[in-house]
PDB file of N, CA and C in Angstrom:
ATOM      1  N   MET A   1      85.520 -89.299 -55.931  1.00  0.00           N
ATOM      2  CA  MET A   1      84.814 -89.194 -54.673  1.00  0.00           C
ATOM      3  C   MET A   1      85.804 -89.322 -53.519  1.00  0.00           C
ATOM      4  N   LEU A   2      85.474 -88.683 -52.436  1.00  0.00           N
ATOM      5  CA  LEU A   2      86.294 -88.720 -51.235  1.00  0.00           C
ATOM      6  C   LEU A   2      86.136 -90.084 -50.565  1.00  0.00           C
ATOM      7  N   GLU A   3      87.234 -90.758 -50.325  1.00  0.00           N
ATOM      8  CA  GLU A   3      87.199 -92.078 -49.693  1.00  0.00           C
ATOM      9  C   GLU A   3      87.203 -91.930 -48.173  1.00  0.00           C
ATOM     10  N   HIS A   4      86.109 -92.310 -47.546  1.00  0.00           N
ATOM     11  CA  HIS A   4      85.975 -92.272 -46.092  1.00  0.00           C
ATOM     12  C   HIS A   4      84.798 -93.158 -45.732  1.00  0.00           C
ATOM     13  N   PRO A   5      84.883 -93.914 -44.647  1.00  0.00           N
ATOM     14  CA  PRO A   5      83.791 -94.832 -44.298  1.00  0.00           C
ATOM     15  C   PRO A   5      82.436 -94.147 -44.101  1.00  0.00           C
ATOM     16  N   ASN A   6      82.424 -92.878 -43.726  1.00  0.00           N
ATOM     17  CA  ASN A   6      81.163 -92.187 -43.475  1.00  0.00           C
ATOM     18  C   ASN A   6      80.724 -91.260 -44.602  1.00  0.00           C
ATOM     19  N   VAL A   7      81.484 -91.217 -45.694  1.00  0.00           N
ATOM     20  CA  VAL A   7      81.111 -90.401 -46.849  1.00  0.00           C
ATOM     21  C   VAL A   7      80.371 -91.279 -47.844  1.00  0.00           C
ATOM     22  N   LEU A   8      79.132 -90.889 -48.133  1.00  0.00           N
ATOM     23  CA  LEU A   8      78.307 -91.662 -49.054  1.00  0.00           C
ATOM     24  C   LEU A   8      78.425 -91.159 -50.485  1.00  0.00           C
ATOM     25  N   SER A   9      78.559 -89.859 -50.655  1.00  0.00           N
ATOM     26  CA  SER A   9      78.762 -89.290 -51.983  1.00  0.00           C
ATOM     27  C   SER A   9      79.227 -87.841 -51.842  1.00  0.00           C
ATOM     28  N   THR A  10      79.739 -87.312 -52.935  1.00  0.00           N
ATOM     29  CA  THR A  10      80.132 -85.905 -52.997  1.00  0.00           C
ATOM     30  C   THR A  10      79.659 -85.348 -54.330  1.00  0.00           C
ATOM     31  N   ARG A  11      79.373 -84.052 -54.343  1.00  0.00           N
ATOM     32  CA  ARG A  11      78.983 -83.403 -55.585  1.00  0.00           C
ATOM     33  C   ARG A  11      79.228 -81.903 -55.464  1.00  0.00           C
ATOM     34  N   PRO A  12      79.589 -81.269 -56.555  1.00  0.00           N
ATOM     35  CA  PRO A  12      79.741 -79.813 -56.519  1.00  0.00           C
ATOM     36  C   PRO A  12      78.393 -79.136 -56.753  1.00  0.00           C
ATOM     37  N   THR A  13      78.235 -77.960 -56.206  1.00  0.00           N
ATOM     38  CA  THR A  13      77.077 -77.113 -56.472  1.00  0.00           C
ATOM     39  C   THR A  13      77.577 -75.674 -56.516  1.00  0.00           C
ATOM     40  N   VAL A  14      76.740 -74.780 -56.990  1.00  0.00           N
ATOM     41  CA  VAL A  14      77.146 -73.380 -57.135  1.00  0.00           C
ATOM     42  C   VAL A  14      76.350 -72.522 -56.172  1.00  0.00           C
ATOM     43  N   ARG A  15      77.032 -71.575 -55.546  1.00  0.00           N
ATOM     44  CA  ARG A  15      76.408 -70.578 -54.678  1.00  0.00           C
ATOM     45  C   ARG A  15      76.825 -69.207 -55.218  1.00  0.00           C
ATOM     46  N   TRP A  16      75.881 -68.284 -55.219  1.00  0.00           N
ATOM     47  CA  TRP A  16      76.196 -66.927 -55.679  1.00  0.00           C
ATOM     48  C   TRP A  16      76.539 -66.055 -54.497  1.00  0.00           C
ATOM     49  N   GLU A  17      77.659 -65.351 -54.591  1.00  0.00           N
ATOM     50  CA  GLU A  17      78.122 -64.422 -53.562  1.00  0.00           C
ATOM     51  C   GLU A  17      78.510 -63.117 -54.224  1.00  0.00           C
ATOM     52  N   ARG A  18      77.770 -62.060 -53.933  1.00  0.00           N
ATOM     53  CA  ARG A  18      78.093 -60.726 -54.477  1.00  0.00           C
ATOM     54  C   ARG A  18      78.357 -60.761 -55.970  1.00  0.00           C
ATOM     55  N   ASP A  19      77.416 -61.293 -56.703  1.00  0.00           N
ATOM     56  CA  ASP A  19      77.473 -61.343 -58.175  1.00  0.00           C
ATOM     57  C   ASP A  19      78.600 -62.204 -58.735  1.00  0.00           C
ATOM     58  N   ARG A  20      79.076 -63.148 -57.960  1.00  0.00           N
ATOM     59  CA  ARG A  20      80.062 -64.089 -58.496  1.00  0.00           C
ATOM     60  C   ARG A  20      79.727 -65.488 -58.000  1.00  0.00           C
ATOM     61  N   GLN A  21      80.177 -66.454 -58.757  1.00  0.00           N
ATOM     62  CA  GLN A  21      79.924 -67.840 -58.404  1.00  0.00           C
ATOM     63  C   GLN A  21      80.955 -68.356 -57.419  1.00  0.00           C
ATOM     64  N   ALA A  22      80.487 -69.176 -56.493  1.00  0.00           N
ATOM     65  CA  ALA A  22      81.389 -69.887 -55.588  1.00  0.00           C
ATOM     66  C   ALA A  22      80.999 -71.365 -55.662  1.00  0.00           C
ATOM     67  N   ILE A  23      81.967 -72.210 -55.842  1.00  0.00           N
ATOM     68  CA  ILE A  23      81.714 -73.650 -55.878  1.00  0.00           C
ATOM     69  C   ILE A  23      81.693 -74.165 -54.447  1.00  0.00           C
ATOM     70  N   VAL A  24      80.665 -74.939 -54.125  1.00  0.00           N
ATOM     71  CA  VAL A  24      80.534 -75.565 -52.813  1.00  0.00           C
ATOM     72  C   VAL A  24      80.477 -77.068 -53.045  1.00  0.00           C
ATOM     73  N   TYR A  25      81.285 -77.805 -52.316  1.00  0.00           N
ATOM     74  CA  TYR A  25      81.282 -79.250 -52.420  1.00  0.00           C
ATOM     75  C   TYR A  25      80.393 -79.822 -51.332  1.00  0.00           C
ATOM     76  N   VAL A  26      79.348 -80.511 -51.760  1.00  0.00           N
ATOM     77  CA  VAL A  26      78.393 -81.115 -50.837  1.00  0.00           C
ATOM     78  C   VAL A  26      78.892 -82.520 -50.518  1.00  0.00           C
ATOM     79  N   ILE A  27      79.015 -82.798 -49.243  1.00  0.00           N
ATOM     80  CA  ILE A  27      79.448 -84.118 -48.793  1.00  0.00           C
ATOM     81  C   ILE A  27      78.267 -84.762 -48.078  1.00  0.00           C
ATOM     82  N   GLU A  28      77.743 -85.836 -48.667  1.00  0.00           N
ATOM     83  CA  GLU A  28      76.661 -86.573 -48.034  1.00  0.00           C
ATOM     84  C   GLU A  28      77.270 -87.631 -47.123  1.00  0.00           C
ATOM     85  N   THR A  29      76.768 -87.671 -45.899  1.00  0.00           N
ATOM     86  CA  THR A  29      77.324 -88.558 -44.882  1.00  0.00           C
ATOM     87  C   THR A  29      76.212 -89.192 -44.068  1.00  0.00           C
ATOM     88  N   ASP A  30      76.530 -90.278 -43.403  1.00  0.00           N
ATOM     89  CA  ASP A  30      75.575 -90.900 -42.496  1.00  0.00           C
ATOM     90  C   ASP A  30      75.758 -90.392 -41.067  1.00  0.00           C
ATOM     91  N   LEU A  31      76.676 -89.452 -40.864  1.00  0.00           N
ATOM     92  CA  LEU A  31      76.922 -88.876 -39.541  1.00  0.00           C
ATOM     93  C   LEU A  31      75.933 -87.753 -39.239  1.00  0.00           C
ATOM     94  N   ALA A  32      75.669 -87.537 -37.966  1.00  0.00           N
ATOM     95  CA  ALA A  32      74.893 -86.377 -37.540  1.00  0.00           C
ATOM     96  C   ALA A  32      75.719 -85.131 -37.849  1.00  0.00           C
ATOM     97  N   VAL A  33      75.097 -84.109 -38.432  1.00  0.00           N
ATOM     98  CA  VAL A  33      75.846 -82.931 -38.845  1.00  0.00           C
ATOM     99  C   VAL A  33      75.530 -81.684 -38.019  1.00  0.00           C
ATOM    100  N   SER A  34      74.655 -81.804 -37.055  1.00  0.00           N
ATOM    101  CA  SER A  34      74.299 -80.677 -36.193  1.00  0.00           C
ATOM    102  C   SER A  34      74.623 -81.020 -34.745  1.00  0.00           C
ATOM    103  N   PRO A  35      75.200 -80.079 -34.006  1.00  0.00           N
ATOM    104  CA  PRO A  35      75.518 -80.358 -32.595  1.00  0.00           C
ATOM    105  C   PRO A  35      74.292 -80.736 -31.762  1.00  0.00           C
ATOM    106  N   GLU A  36      73.098 -80.366 -32.218  1.00  0.00           N
ATOM    107  CA  GLU A  36      71.882 -80.709 -31.488  1.00  0.00           C
ATOM    108  C   GLU A  36      71.434 -82.156 -31.720  1.00  0.00           C
ATOM    109  N   ASP A  37      71.987 -82.805 -32.731  1.00  0.00           N
ATOM    110  CA  ASP A  37      71.589 -84.176 -33.060  1.00  0.00           C
ATOM    111  C   ASP A  37      72.279 -85.180 -32.141  1.00  0.00           C
ATOM    112  N   PRO A  38      71.554 -86.227 -31.732  1.00  0.00           N
ATOM    113  CA  PRO A  38      72.190 -87.300 -30.946  1.00  0.00           C
ATOM    114  C   PRO A  38      73.312 -87.954 -31.763  1.00  0.00           C
ATOM    115  N   GLY A  39      74.384 -88.261 -31.119  1.00  0.00           N
ATOM    116  CA  GLY A  39      75.496 -88.932 -31.795  1.00  0.00           C
ATOM    117  C   GLY A  39      76.403 -88.007 -32.588  1.00  0.00           C
ATOM    118  N   TYR A  40      76.235 -86.694 -32.439  1.00  0.00           N
ATOM    119  CA  TYR A  40      77.078 -85.736 -33.150  1.00  0.00           C
ATOM    120  C   TYR A  40      78.541 -85.950 -32.784  1.00  0.00           C
ATOM    121  N   ASP A  41      79.404 -86.006 -33.808  1.00  0.00           N
ATOM    122  CA  ASP A  41      80.833 -86.264 -33.599  1.00  0.00           C
ATOM    123  C   ASP A  41      81.645 -85.224 -34.364  1.00  0.00           C
ATOM    124  N   GLN A  42      81.988 -84.143 -33.693  1.00  0.00           N
ATOM    125  CA  GLN A  42      82.726 -83.049 -34.329  1.00  0.00           C
ATOM    126  C   GLN A  42      84.071 -83.518 -34.877  1.00  0.00           C
ATOM    127  N   THR A  43      84.736 -84.393 -34.156  1.00  0.00           N
ATOM    128  CA  THR A  43      86.043 -84.887 -34.605  1.00  0.00           C
ATOM    129  C   THR A  43      85.930 -85.629 -35.929  1.00  0.00           C
ATOM    130  N   ALA A  44      84.920 -86.461 -36.076  1.00  0.00           N
ATOM    131  CA  ALA A  44      84.732 -87.202 -37.326  1.00  0.00           C
ATOM    132  C   ALA A  44      84.474 -86.241 -38.487  1.00  0.00           C
ATOM    133  N   LEU A  45      83.631 -85.221 -38.273  1.00  0.00           N
ATOM    134  CA  LEU A  45      83.358 -84.245 -39.329  1.00  0.00           C
ATOM    135  C   LEU A  45      84.608 -83.426 -39.650  1.00  0.00           C
ATOM    136  N   ASP A  46      85.386 -83.083 -38.637  1.00  0.00           N
ATOM    137  CA  ASP A  46      86.645 -82.370 -38.869  1.00  0.00           C
ATOM    138  C   ASP A  46      87.588 -83.200 -39.726  1.00  0.00           C
ATOM    139  N   ASN A  47      87.675 -84.489 -39.447  1.00  0.00           N
ATOM    140  CA  ASN A  47      88.547 -85.373 -40.226  1.00  0.00           C
ATOM    141  C   ASN A  47      88.114 -85.441 -41.687  1.00  0.00           C
ATOM    142  N   ILE A  48      86.807 -85.522 -41.922  1.00  0.00           N
ATOM    143  CA  ILE A  48      86.296 -85.546 -43.297  1.00  0.00           C
ATOM    144  C   ILE A  48      86.599 -84.216 -43.983  1.00  0.00           C
ATOM    145  N   ALA A  49      86.355 -83.100 -43.290  1.00  0.00           N
ATOM    146  CA  ALA A  49      86.607 -81.781 -43.872  1.00  0.00           C
ATOM    147  C   ALA A  49      88.084 -81.604 -44.222  1.00  0.00           C
ATOM    148  N   GLU A  50      88.967 -82.032 -43.355  1.00  0.00           N
ATOM    149  CA  GLU A  50      90.403 -81.918 -43.632  1.00  0.00           C
ATOM    150  C   GLU A  50      90.795 -82.747 -44.850  1.00  0.00           C
ATOM    151  N   ALA A  51      90.251 -83.948 -44.963  1.00  0.00           N
ATOM    152  CA  ALA A  51      90.536 -84.794 -46.121  1.00  0.00           C
ATOM    153  C   ALA A  51      89.990 -84.150 -47.402  1.00  0.00           C
ATOM    154  N   ALA A  52      88.816 -83.568 -47.322  1.00  0.00           N
ATOM    155  CA  ALA A  52      88.223 -82.912 -48.489  1.00  0.00           C
ATOM    156  C   ALA A  52      89.047 -81.700 -48.910  1.00  0.00           C
ATOM    157  N   LEU A  53      89.441 -80.873 -47.960  1.00  0.00           N
ATOM    158  CA  LEU A  53      90.230 -79.685 -48.273  1.00  0.00           C
ATOM    159  C   LEU A  53      91.553 -80.054 -48.944  1.00  0.00           C
ATOM    160  N   ALA A  54      92.134 -81.160 -48.546  1.00  0.00           N
ATOM    161  CA  ALA A  54      93.405 -81.606 -49.136  1.00  0.00           C
ATOM    162  C   ALA A  54      93.229 -82.048 -50.587  1.00  0.00           C
ATOM    163  N   ARG A  55      92.019 -82.476 -50.949  1.00  0.00           N
ATOM    164  CA  ARG A  55      91.779 -83.005 -52.295  1.00  0.00           C
ATOM    165  C   ARG A  55      91.133 -82.019 -53.251  1.00  0.00           C
ATOM    166  N   LEU A  56      90.595 -80.922 -52.737  1.00  0.00           N
ATOM    167  CA  LEU A  56      89.840 -80.007 -53.583  1.00  0.00           C
ATOM    168  C   LEU A  56      90.697 -78.809 -53.981  1.00  0.00           C
ATOM    169  N   PRO A  57      91.060 -78.714 -55.245  1.00  0.00           N
ATOM    170  CA  PRO A  57      91.867 -77.570 -55.680  1.00  0.00           C
ATOM    171  C   PRO A  57      91.077 -76.272 -55.532  1.00  0.00           C
ATOM    172  N   GLY A  58      91.720 -75.263 -55.015  1.00  0.00           N
ATOM    173  CA  GLY A  58      91.079 -73.960 -54.880  1.00  0.00           C
ATOM    174  C   GLY A  58      90.223 -73.809 -53.637  1.00  0.00           C
ATOM    175  N   CYS A  59      90.066 -74.856 -52.873  1.00  0.00           N
ATOM    176  CA  CYS A  59      89.243 -74.806 -51.662  1.00  0.00           C
ATOM    177  C   CYS A  59      90.187 -74.669 -50.472  1.00  0.00           C
ATOM    178  N   ARG A  60      90.203 -73.498 -49.872  1.00  0.00           N
ATOM    179  CA  ARG A  60      91.155 -73.245 -48.798  1.00  0.00           C
ATOM    180  C   ARG A  60      90.510 -73.162 -47.420  1.00  0.00           C
ATOM    181  N   ASN A  61      89.179 -73.187 -47.368  1.00  0.00           N
ATOM    182  CA  ASN A  61      88.512 -73.102 -46.073  1.00  0.00           C
ATOM    183  C   ASN A  61      87.193 -73.871 -46.109  1.00  0.00           C
ATOM    184  N   ARG A  62      86.619 -74.042 -44.961  1.00  0.00           N
ATOM    185  CA  ARG A  62      85.403 -74.848 -44.854  1.00  0.00           C
ATOM    186  C   ARG A  62      84.176 -74.190 -45.462  1.00  0.00           C
ATOM    187  N   ALA A  63      84.280 -72.940 -45.848  1.00  0.00           N
ATOM    188  CA  ALA A  63      83.142 -72.273 -46.474  1.00  0.00           C
ATOM    189  C   ALA A  63      82.775 -72.934 -47.799  1.00  0.00           C
ATOM    190  N   CYS A  64      83.700 -73.687 -48.370  1.00  0.00           N
ATOM    191  CA  CYS A  64      83.414 -74.338 -49.648  1.00  0.00           C
ATOM    192  C   CYS A  64      82.951 -75.788 -49.461  1.00  0.00           C
ATOM    193  N   ILE A  65      82.652 -76.184 -48.223  1.00  0.00           N
ATOM    194  CA  ILE A  65      82.171 -77.539 -47.937  1.00  0.00           C
ATOM    195  C   ILE A  65      80.840 -77.447 -47.208  1.00  0.00           C
ATOM    196  N   ARG A  66      79.883 -78.262 -47.640  1.00  0.00           N
ATOM    197  CA  ARG A  66      78.606 -78.350 -46.936  1.00  0.00           C
ATOM    198  C   ARG A  66      78.312 -79.822 -46.672  1.00  0.00           C
ATOM    199  N   PHE A  67      78.048 -80.140 -45.405  1.00  0.00           N
ATOM    200  CA  PHE A  67      77.675 -81.498 -45.041  1.00  0.00           C
ATOM    201  C   PHE A  67      76.168 -81.653 -45.087  1.00  0.00           C
ATOM    202  N   GLU A  68      75.710 -82.784 -45.627  1.00  0.00           N
ATOM    203  CA  GLU A  68      74.308 -83.147 -45.594  1.00  0.00           C
ATOM    204  C   GLU A  68      74.189 -84.560 -45.069  1.00  0.00           C
ATOM    205  N   ARG A  69      73.305 -84.737 -44.117  1.00  0.00           N
ATOM    206  CA  ARG A  69      73.101 -86.073 -43.562  1.00  0.00           C
ATOM    207  C   ARG A  69      72.100 -86.819 -44.430  1.00  0.00           C
ATOM    208  N   VAL A  70      72.449 -88.067 -44.740  1.00  0.00           N
ATOM    209  CA  VAL A  70      71.584 -88.937 -45.517  1.00  0.00           C
ATOM    210  C   VAL A  70      71.210 -90.110 -44.649  1.00  0.00           C
ATOM    211  N   SER A  71      69.938 -90.352 -44.533  1.00  0.00           N
ATOM    212  CA  SER A  71      69.458 -91.476 -43.738  1.00  0.00           C
ATOM    213  C   SER A  71      69.507 -92.749 -44.575  1.00  0.00           C
ATOM    214  N   LEU A  72      70.029 -93.793 -44.008  1.00  0.00           N
ATOM    215  CA  LEU A  72      70.116 -95.067 -44.722  1.00  0.00           C
ATOM    216  C   LEU A  72      68.973 -96.003 -44.357  1.00  0.00           C
ATOM    217  N   ALA A  73      67.987 -95.500 -43.649  1.00  0.00           N
ATOM    218  CA  ALA A  73      66.860 -96.337 -43.194  1.00  0.00           C
ATOM    219  C   ALA A  73      65.967 -96.770 -44.320  1.00  0.00           C
TER     220      ALA A  73
END
């Protein structure tokens, strides 16, 4: 798992693109993931994405990362 204070879990999933599989790494976080959400922090998400890209073999761009916000309430 990716070590970061705002990363709650990570998991791979599969997406189909033009009859081929693409692996997408889902990163669950407690951060707001949409610019419309209060408290959205693009810099924090960029930092997580950069750390993920450095650790994921074969993942060269953000298209292979999907953020999902998880509420801890």
